[in-house]
Amino acid sequence: MRLRELRMQNGLSQRAVAAHLHISRRTYCAYESERRLPPVSVCIALARFYHTTVDYLVGLVDNPTPYQT
């Protein structure tokens, strides 16, 4: 997953992203280090937060731009 990359590009701390998601920093850290997989609802929230797609977050596509519908 590209969580750390996106967080760093946006100048955010793990604590700030975790607070936005209403989870502990420890839980977010486990997602970022891929020790735990985030639930789909968290993936969607992160995609919205970073204005990208879940496909980009998980590495299925290399274009971070959301799809046009």
N, C-alpha and C. Protein backbone atom coordinates (compact mmCIF):
# COMPACT_ATOMS: atom_id res chain seq x y z
N MET A 1 0.84 -1.18 0.00
CA MET A 1 0.00 0.00 0.00
C MET A 1 0.89 1.25 0.00
N ARG A 2 0.33 2.30 -0.48
CA ARG A 2 1.09 3.55 -0.63
C ARG A 2 0.79 4.55 0.49
N LEU A 3 0.44 4.08 1.64
CA LEU A 3 0.02 4.97 2.71
C LEU A 3 1.13 5.89 3.19
N ARG A 4 2.30 5.35 3.43
CA ARG A 4 3.41 6.18 3.92
C ARG A 4 3.78 7.23 2.88
N GLU A 5 3.89 6.81 1.64
CA GLU A 5 4.23 7.73 0.55
C GLU A 5 3.25 8.90 0.49
N LEU A 6 1.97 8.61 0.52
CA LEU A 6 0.96 9.67 0.46
C LEU A 6 1.00 10.57 1.70
N ARG A 7 1.18 9.97 2.84
CA ARG A 7 1.24 10.75 4.08
C ARG A 7 2.43 11.70 4.05
N MET A 8 3.58 11.21 3.64
CA MET A 8 4.79 12.04 3.59
C MET A 8 4.63 13.16 2.55
N GLN A 9 4.08 12.85 1.39
CA GLN A 9 3.87 13.85 0.35
C GLN A 9 2.98 14.99 0.83
N ASN A 10 2.08 14.67 1.74
CA ASN A 10 1.16 15.67 2.25
C ASN A 10 1.63 16.31 3.56
N GLY A 11 2.82 15.95 4.00
CA GLY A 11 3.40 16.56 5.20
C GLY A 11 2.62 16.27 6.46
N LEU A 12 2.09 15.07 6.57
CA LEU A 12 1.26 14.70 7.71
C LEU A 12 1.98 13.71 8.62
N SER A 13 1.61 13.72 9.87
CA SER A 13 2.13 12.73 10.82
C SER A 13 1.18 11.55 10.86
N GLN A 14 1.68 10.43 11.37
CA GLN A 14 0.82 9.27 11.55
C GLN A 14 -0.31 9.62 12.51
N ARG A 15 0.00 10.39 13.51
CA ARG A 15 -1.00 10.79 14.50
C ARG A 15 -2.13 11.59 13.84
N ALA A 16 -1.78 12.49 12.93
CA ALA A 16 -2.80 13.32 12.26
C ALA A 16 -3.72 12.47 11.39
N VAL A 17 -3.15 11.53 10.64
CA VAL A 17 -3.97 10.68 9.78
C VAL A 17 -4.84 9.77 10.64
N ALA A 18 -4.27 9.22 11.69
CA ALA A 18 -5.04 8.35 12.59
C ALA A 18 -6.20 9.12 13.22
N ALA A 19 -5.95 10.36 13.62
CA ALA A 19 -7.02 11.18 14.21
C ALA A 19 -8.13 11.41 13.20
N HIS A 20 -7.77 11.66 11.95
CA HIS A 20 -8.78 11.87 10.91
C HIS A 20 -9.65 10.61 10.75
N LEU A 21 -9.03 9.46 10.86
CA LEU A 21 -9.74 8.18 10.70
C LEU A 21 -10.43 7.71 11.98
N HIS A 22 -10.17 8.41 13.10
CA HIS A 22 -10.73 8.03 14.40
C HIS A 22 -10.24 6.65 14.84
N ILE A 23 -8.95 6.43 14.62
CA ILE A 23 -8.30 5.19 15.07
C ILE A 23 -7.03 5.58 15.83
N SER A 24 -6.43 4.61 16.50
CA SER A 24 -5.19 4.91 17.23
C SER A 24 -4.03 5.03 16.25
N ARG A 25 -3.00 5.74 16.69
CA ARG A 25 -1.80 5.85 15.86
C ARG A 25 -1.17 4.47 15.67
N ARG A 26 -1.22 3.66 16.70
CA ARG A 26 -0.66 2.30 16.63
C ARG A 26 -1.36 1.47 15.54
N THR A 27 -2.68 1.59 15.46
CA THR A 27 -3.42 0.86 14.42
C THR A 27 -3.04 1.37 13.05
N TYR A 28 -2.98 2.71 12.92
CA TYR A 28 -2.60 3.28 11.62
C TYR A 28 -1.19 2.84 11.24
N CYS A 29 -0.28 2.84 12.19
CA CYS A 29 1.10 2.43 11.94
C CYS A 29 1.14 0.99 11.41
N ALA A 30 0.30 0.13 11.97
CA ALA A 30 0.23 -1.27 11.51
C ALA A 30 -0.27 -1.34 10.07
N TYR A 31 -1.20 -0.47 9.69
CA TYR A 31 -1.67 -0.43 8.30
C TYR A 31 -0.54 0.04 7.39
N GLU A 32 0.14 1.09 7.81
CA GLU A 32 1.19 1.68 6.98
C GLU A 32 2.35 0.71 6.78
N SER A 33 2.69 -0.05 7.81
CA SER A 33 3.80 -1.00 7.71
C SER A 33 3.34 -2.36 7.16
N GLU A 34 2.07 -2.46 6.84
CA GLU A 34 1.45 -3.66 6.26
C GLU A 34 1.50 -4.86 7.20
N ARG A 35 1.54 -4.60 8.52
CA ARG A 35 1.41 -5.68 9.49
C ARG A 35 -0.05 -6.07 9.66
N ARG A 36 -0.94 -5.12 9.33
CA ARG A 36 -2.38 -5.37 9.34
C ARG A 36 -2.97 -4.76 8.08
N LEU A 37 -4.01 -5.38 7.57
CA LEU A 37 -4.72 -4.83 6.42
C LEU A 37 -5.89 -4.00 6.91
N PRO A 38 -6.03 -2.78 6.41
CA PRO A 38 -7.17 -1.97 6.83
C PRO A 38 -8.46 -2.50 6.23
N PRO A 39 -9.57 -2.34 6.93
CA PRO A 39 -10.85 -2.75 6.37
C PRO A 39 -11.19 -1.87 5.17
N VAL A 40 -12.09 -2.35 4.35
CA VAL A 40 -12.49 -1.62 3.14
C VAL A 40 -12.96 -0.21 3.49
N SER A 41 -13.70 -0.06 4.57
CA SER A 41 -14.19 1.27 4.95
C SER A 41 -13.04 2.25 5.21
N VAL A 42 -11.95 1.77 5.78
CA VAL A 42 -10.79 2.63 6.02
C VAL A 42 -10.08 2.94 4.70
N CYS A 43 -9.99 1.97 3.81
CA CYS A 43 -9.39 2.21 2.49
C CYS A 43 -10.16 3.29 1.74
N ILE A 44 -11.47 3.22 1.79
CA ILE A 44 -12.31 4.22 1.13
C ILE A 44 -12.10 5.59 1.77
N ALA A 45 -12.06 5.63 3.09
CA ALA A 45 -11.85 6.90 3.79
C ALA A 45 -10.49 7.49 3.43
N LEU A 46 -9.46 6.66 3.33
CA LEU A 46 -8.13 7.14 2.96
C LEU A 46 -8.10 7.64 1.52
N ALA A 47 -8.75 6.93 0.63
CA ALA A 47 -8.81 7.37 -0.77
C ALA A 47 -9.49 8.73 -0.87
N ARG A 48 -10.55 8.92 -0.14
CA ARG A 48 -11.24 10.22 -0.14
C ARG A 48 -10.36 11.30 0.48
N PHE A 49 -9.70 10.96 1.57
CA PHE A 49 -8.84 11.90 2.28
C PHE A 49 -7.71 12.41 1.37
N TYR A 50 -7.12 11.50 0.61
CA TYR A 50 -6.01 11.85 -0.27
C TYR A 50 -6.44 12.18 -1.69
N HIS A 51 -7.74 12.20 -1.94
CA HIS A 51 -8.29 12.53 -3.27
C HIS A 51 -7.71 11.62 -4.35
N THR A 52 -7.78 10.34 -4.09
CA THR A 52 -7.28 9.35 -5.03
C THR A 52 -8.24 8.17 -5.05
N THR A 53 -7.80 7.03 -5.54
CA THR A 53 -8.66 5.84 -5.61
C THR A 53 -8.10 4.74 -4.71
N VAL A 54 -8.96 3.83 -4.35
CA VAL A 54 -8.52 2.66 -3.59
C VAL A 54 -7.55 1.85 -4.45
N ASP A 55 -7.81 1.77 -5.75
CA ASP A 55 -6.90 1.05 -6.65
C ASP A 55 -5.48 1.61 -6.57
N TYR A 56 -5.35 2.93 -6.49
CA TYR A 56 -4.02 3.54 -6.37
C TYR A 56 -3.41 3.21 -5.00
N LEU A 57 -4.22 3.30 -3.95
CA LEU A 57 -3.71 3.01 -2.60
C LEU A 57 -3.10 1.62 -2.52
N VAL A 58 -3.74 0.65 -3.13
CA VAL A 58 -3.28 -0.74 -3.01
C VAL A 58 -2.31 -1.15 -4.12
N GLY A 59 -1.99 -0.22 -5.03
CA GLY A 59 -0.98 -0.50 -6.05
C GLY A 59 -1.48 -1.17 -7.31
N LEU A 60 -2.79 -1.17 -7.54
CA LEU A 60 -3.31 -1.77 -8.77
C LEU A 60 -3.12 -0.88 -9.99
N VAL A 61 -3.08 0.42 -9.77
CA VAL A 61 -2.83 1.38 -10.84
C VAL A 61 -1.77 2.36 -10.37
N ASP A 62 -1.10 2.99 -11.31
CA ASP A 62 -0.05 3.94 -10.98
C ASP A 62 -0.49 5.39 -11.11
N ASN A 63 -1.70 5.61 -11.59
CA ASN A 63 -2.21 6.97 -11.75
C ASN A 63 -3.05 7.32 -10.52
N PRO A 64 -2.63 8.33 -9.74
CA PRO A 64 -3.37 8.67 -8.53
C PRO A 64 -4.66 9.46 -8.78
N THR A 65 -4.87 9.90 -10.02
CA THR A 65 -6.05 10.69 -10.34
C THR A 65 -7.32 9.85 -10.27
N PRO A 66 -8.33 10.32 -9.55
CA PRO A 66 -9.59 9.56 -9.48
C PRO A 66 -10.22 9.41 -10.86
N TYR A 67 -10.98 8.34 -11.01
CA TYR A 67 -11.68 8.08 -12.26
C TYR A 67 -12.74 9.14 -12.53
N GLN A 68 -12.94 9.45 -13.77
CA GLN A 68 -13.99 10.37 -14.17
C GLN A 68 -15.27 9.58 -14.41
N THR A 69 -16.35 10.00 -13.76
CA THR A 69 -17.64 9.30 -13.96
C THR A 69 -18.67 10.23 -14.54
